[in-house]
Amino acid sequence: MRGSADSLFPQIFRGIGGGKRIALMISAYFDESAEGDSKSGLLSVSGYALDGAGVDGLVREWGGMLSDFNLSYFHMSECNARSEHRKGAYAKLSDDQCEKCARQAIRIAREHQLHGHSFVLDQSEYRQILENEGFDCDPYTFMVWAAYIHVNKWVHENRRDEKISLFFESGYSSQARASELLEAVSQDEWGGKN
């Protein structure tokens, strides 16, 4: 996660109403990771669904973790980099500190989530099987669609009265297309709630 959890999560949940929640909502936060040149190799889209209590706990503990390690943000790949390749705030941390920070981040994320979601595909095989045969959907957009369907299904089975909000990290090359797809499906009620 880039940026402080203190700045992201409360804004989403407490934007208006003086900090009071105005709706019951499950929010799912996703991040992508691709190996290689982003056009071949494995692509994963993973994330967690949280409710208001989960967000409160995450914000509190995440902020404490950042403070404990004197970090302004947490990014696992920077934390896990070999000591000679660490940059910025992570350059001053020892291997032991980085390991403790990474383990703490994982524990915090697991402790406060309602449900975890992860989707992985081999982009070369995907293109060979689907995209090159006329299926007009790039791998990332397909993964975002899979995430949407899975989270929606999970919420309808487990938290039927709550609405869903999905958040994907910005910057992926086909993100605009994936966003258009999610915008289109959010206009249509599926199972009564979106």
Protein backbone atom coordinates (compact mmCIF):
# COMPACT_ATOMS: atom_id res chain seq x y z
CA MET A 1 0.00 0.00 0.00
CA ARG A 2 1.37 3.34 -0.96
CA GLY A 3 0.41 6.32 1.06
CA SER A 4 -0.67 6.29 4.60
CA ALA A 5 -3.61 4.10 5.53
CA ASP A 6 -4.51 7.00 7.77
CA SER A 7 -5.17 9.12 4.69
CA LEU A 8 -6.90 6.57 2.46
CA PHE A 9 -9.27 4.38 4.45
CA PRO A 10 -10.96 6.94 6.72
CA GLN A 11 -11.61 9.23 3.75
CA ILE A 12 -13.44 6.44 1.99
CA PHE A 13 -15.54 5.48 4.99
CA ARG A 14 -16.02 8.79 6.75
CA GLY A 15 -16.12 11.31 3.93
CA ILE A 16 -19.23 13.11 5.16
CA GLY A 17 -21.38 13.14 8.25
CA GLY A 18 -18.75 14.23 10.76
CA GLY A 19 -17.08 10.83 10.85
CA LYS A 20 -20.32 8.86 11.10
CA ARG A 21 -20.87 6.00 8.72
CA ILE A 22 -23.82 6.71 6.49
CA ALA A 23 -24.20 3.19 5.05
CA LEU A 24 -23.26 -0.36 5.76
CA MET A 25 -20.56 -1.18 3.28
CA ILE A 26 -18.00 -3.81 2.46
CA SER A 27 -14.98 -2.38 0.71
CA ALA A 28 -12.53 -4.52 -1.20
CA TYR A 29 -9.04 -3.19 -1.88
CA PHE A 30 -6.99 -4.78 -4.68
CA ASP A 31 -3.46 -4.52 -5.99
CA GLU A 32 -1.92 -6.12 -9.07
CA SER A 33 1.47 -7.64 -9.56
CA ALA A 34 2.99 -8.81 -12.83
CA GLU A 35 6.25 -10.55 -13.49
CA GLY A 36 8.42 -9.79 -16.46
CA ASP A 37 7.36 -7.16 -18.97
CA SER A 38 3.70 -7.01 -17.86
CA LYS A 39 2.62 -8.59 -21.16
CA SER A 40 3.70 -12.15 -20.45
CA GLY A 41 4.31 -14.17 -17.33
CA LEU A 42 2.06 -14.38 -14.33
CA LEU A 43 -0.39 -11.62 -13.43
CA SER A 44 -2.11 -11.56 -10.07
CA VAL A 45 -4.84 -9.37 -8.64
CA SER A 46 -5.25 -9.83 -4.90
CA GLY A 47 -6.92 -8.02 -2.07
CA TYR A 48 -9.02 -7.99 1.05
CA ALA A 49 -12.63 -7.13 1.85
CA LEU A 50 -13.15 -5.07 4.99
CA ASP A 51 -16.07 -3.61 6.89
CA GLY A 52 -16.00 -0.45 9.02
CA ALA A 53 -14.59 -2.18 12.11
CA GLY A 54 -11.89 -3.78 9.96
CA VAL A 55 -10.94 -0.42 8.51
CA ASP A 56 -10.75 1.14 12.00
CA GLY A 57 -8.48 -1.63 13.26
CA LEU A 58 -6.35 -1.57 10.14
CA VAL A 59 -5.89 2.21 10.24
CA ARG A 60 -4.95 2.15 13.94
CA GLU A 61 -2.46 -0.72 13.70
CA TRP A 62 -1.07 0.24 10.27
CA GLY A 63 -0.31 3.74 11.53
CA GLY A 64 1.41 2.25 14.57
CA MET A 65 3.52 -0.02 12.38
CA LEU A 66 4.58 2.87 10.13
CA SER A 67 5.48 4.90 13.19
CA ASP A 68 7.40 2.03 14.83
CA PHE A 69 9.60 1.66 11.74
CA ASN A 70 9.70 5.40 10.92
CA LEU A 71 8.05 4.87 7.51
CA SER A 72 5.66 7.15 5.66
CA TYR A 73 4.27 4.23 3.58
CA PHE A 74 4.60 0.48 3.26
CA HIS A 75 5.41 -1.37 0.05
CA MET A 76 6.22 -5.07 0.37
CA SER A 77 8.60 -5.25 -2.60
CA GLU A 78 10.70 -2.42 -1.13
CA CYS A 79 10.65 -3.96 2.32
CA ASN A 80 11.66 -7.39 0.95
CA ALA A 81 14.45 -6.09 -1.28
CA ARG A 82 17.95 -7.28 -0.51
CA SER A 83 19.71 -4.77 1.74
CA GLU A 84 22.02 -3.54 -1.04
CA HIS A 85 18.97 -2.75 -3.24
CA ARG A 86 16.81 -1.00 -0.64
CA LYS A 87 16.02 2.64 -1.32
CA GLY A 88 14.47 5.56 0.50
CA ALA A 89 13.10 4.92 3.96
CA TYR A 90 13.82 1.19 3.68
CA ALA A 91 17.56 1.74 3.12
CA LYS A 92 18.03 2.59 6.79
CA LEU A 93 16.30 -0.58 8.04
CA SER A 94 18.27 -3.71 8.87
CA ASP A 95 17.33 -7.13 7.46
CA ASP A 96 15.83 -8.00 10.85
CA GLN A 97 13.77 -4.80 10.95
CA CYS A 98 12.49 -5.38 7.42
CA GLU A 99 11.48 -8.94 8.27
CA LYS A 100 9.66 -7.77 11.42
CA CYS A 101 7.92 -4.97 9.50
CA ALA A 102 6.80 -7.32 6.71
CA ARG A 103 5.50 -9.91 9.19
CA GLN A 104 3.65 -7.21 11.11
CA ALA A 105 2.05 -5.86 7.90
CA ILE A 106 0.87 -9.36 6.95
CA ARG A 107 -0.52 -9.98 10.44
CA ILE A 108 -2.39 -6.64 10.45
CA ALA A 109 -3.90 -7.24 7.00
CA ARG A 110 -5.00 -10.76 7.92
CA GLU A 111 -6.39 -9.78 11.30
CA HIS A 112 -8.75 -7.07 10.09
CA GLN A 113 -10.06 -8.47 6.81
CA LEU A 114 -13.37 -10.25 6.34
CA HIS A 115 -12.28 -12.24 3.33
CA GLY A 116 -9.21 -12.44 1.11
CA HIS A 117 -9.34 -12.70 -2.67
CA SER A 118 -6.57 -13.62 -5.09
CA PHE A 119 -6.62 -14.35 -8.80
CA VAL A 120 -3.62 -15.46 -10.87
CA LEU A 121 -3.22 -16.25 -14.56
CA ASP A 122 -0.44 -16.82 -17.05
CA GLN A 123 -0.82 -13.96 -19.53
CA SER A 124 0.80 -15.79 -22.44
CA GLU A 125 -1.52 -18.78 -22.05
CA TYR A 126 -4.51 -16.47 -21.58
CA ARG A 127 -3.75 -14.67 -24.83
CA GLN A 128 -3.15 -17.93 -26.69
CA ILE A 129 -6.38 -19.52 -25.44
CA LEU A 130 -8.78 -16.57 -25.27
CA GLU A 131 -7.59 -13.22 -26.53
CA ASN A 132 -6.04 -14.54 -29.76
CA GLU A 133 -9.23 -16.48 -30.50
CA GLY A 134 -11.46 -13.40 -30.52
CA PHE A 135 -12.21 -12.94 -26.79
CA ASP A 136 -11.84 -9.18 -26.59
CA CYS A 137 -10.75 -8.73 -23.00
CA ASP A 138 -7.15 -8.16 -21.86
CA PRO A 139 -5.81 -10.21 -18.91
CA TYR A 140 -6.00 -7.39 -16.35
CA THR A 141 -9.59 -6.47 -17.21
CA PHE A 142 -10.51 -10.16 -17.02
CA MET A 143 -8.91 -10.38 -13.55
CA VAL A 144 -10.77 -7.26 -12.38
CA TRP A 145 -14.02 -8.82 -13.65
CA ALA A 146 -13.22 -12.06 -11.77
CA ALA A 147 -12.55 -10.04 -8.60
CA TYR A 148 -15.84 -8.18 -8.98
CA ILE A 149 -17.84 -11.39 -9.48
CA HIS A 150 -16.16 -13.18 -6.57
CA VAL A 151 -16.49 -10.30 -4.09
CA ASN A 152 -20.09 -9.68 -5.13
CA LYS A 153 -20.95 -13.37 -4.69
CA TRP A 154 -19.20 -13.54 -1.30
CA VAL A 155 -21.00 -10.44 -0.01
CA HIS A 156 -24.40 -11.70 -1.20
CA GLU A 157 -23.82 -15.01 0.57
CA ASN A 158 -22.38 -13.56 3.80
CA ARG A 159 -23.38 -9.89 4.21
CA ARG A 160 -26.51 -9.58 2.10
CA ASP A 161 -27.63 -6.21 3.50
CA GLU A 162 -24.39 -4.43 2.76
CA LYS A 163 -23.29 -2.64 -0.38
CA ILE A 164 -19.93 -3.20 -2.06
CA SER A 165 -17.21 -0.76 -2.98
CA LEU A 166 -14.15 -1.91 -4.95
CA PHE A 167 -10.82 -0.07 -4.99
CA PHE A 168 -7.98 -0.97 -7.35
CA GLU A 169 -4.51 0.52 -7.26
CA SER A 170 -4.08 3.03 -10.08
CA GLY A 171 -1.51 2.91 -12.83
CA TYR A 172 -1.94 -0.41 -14.64
CA SER A 173 -1.76 -0.02 -18.44
CA SER A 174 -5.32 -1.29 -19.12
CA GLN A 175 -6.87 0.15 -15.98
CA ALA A 176 -9.10 2.57 -17.93
CA ARG A 177 -10.73 -0.34 -19.74
CA ALA A 178 -11.23 -2.28 -16.51
CA SER A 179 -12.72 0.81 -14.87
CA GLU A 180 -15.17 1.21 -17.76
CA LEU A 181 -16.27 -2.40 -17.31
CA LEU A 182 -16.83 -1.96 -13.56
CA GLU A 183 -18.70 1.29 -14.14
CA ALA A 184 -20.99 -0.44 -16.65
CA VAL A 185 -21.78 -3.39 -14.38
CA SER A 186 -22.29 -1.15 -11.34
CA GLN A 187 -25.17 0.53 -13.21
CA ASP A 188 -26.98 -2.82 -13.30
CA GLU A 189 -28.16 -4.40 -10.04
CA TRP A 190 -26.93 -7.98 -9.63
CA GLY A 191 -28.74 -9.89 -6.93
CA GLY A 192 -30.26 -6.71 -5.54
CA LYS A 193 -27.09 -4.92 -4.38
CA ASN A 194 -23.84 -3.56 -5.85
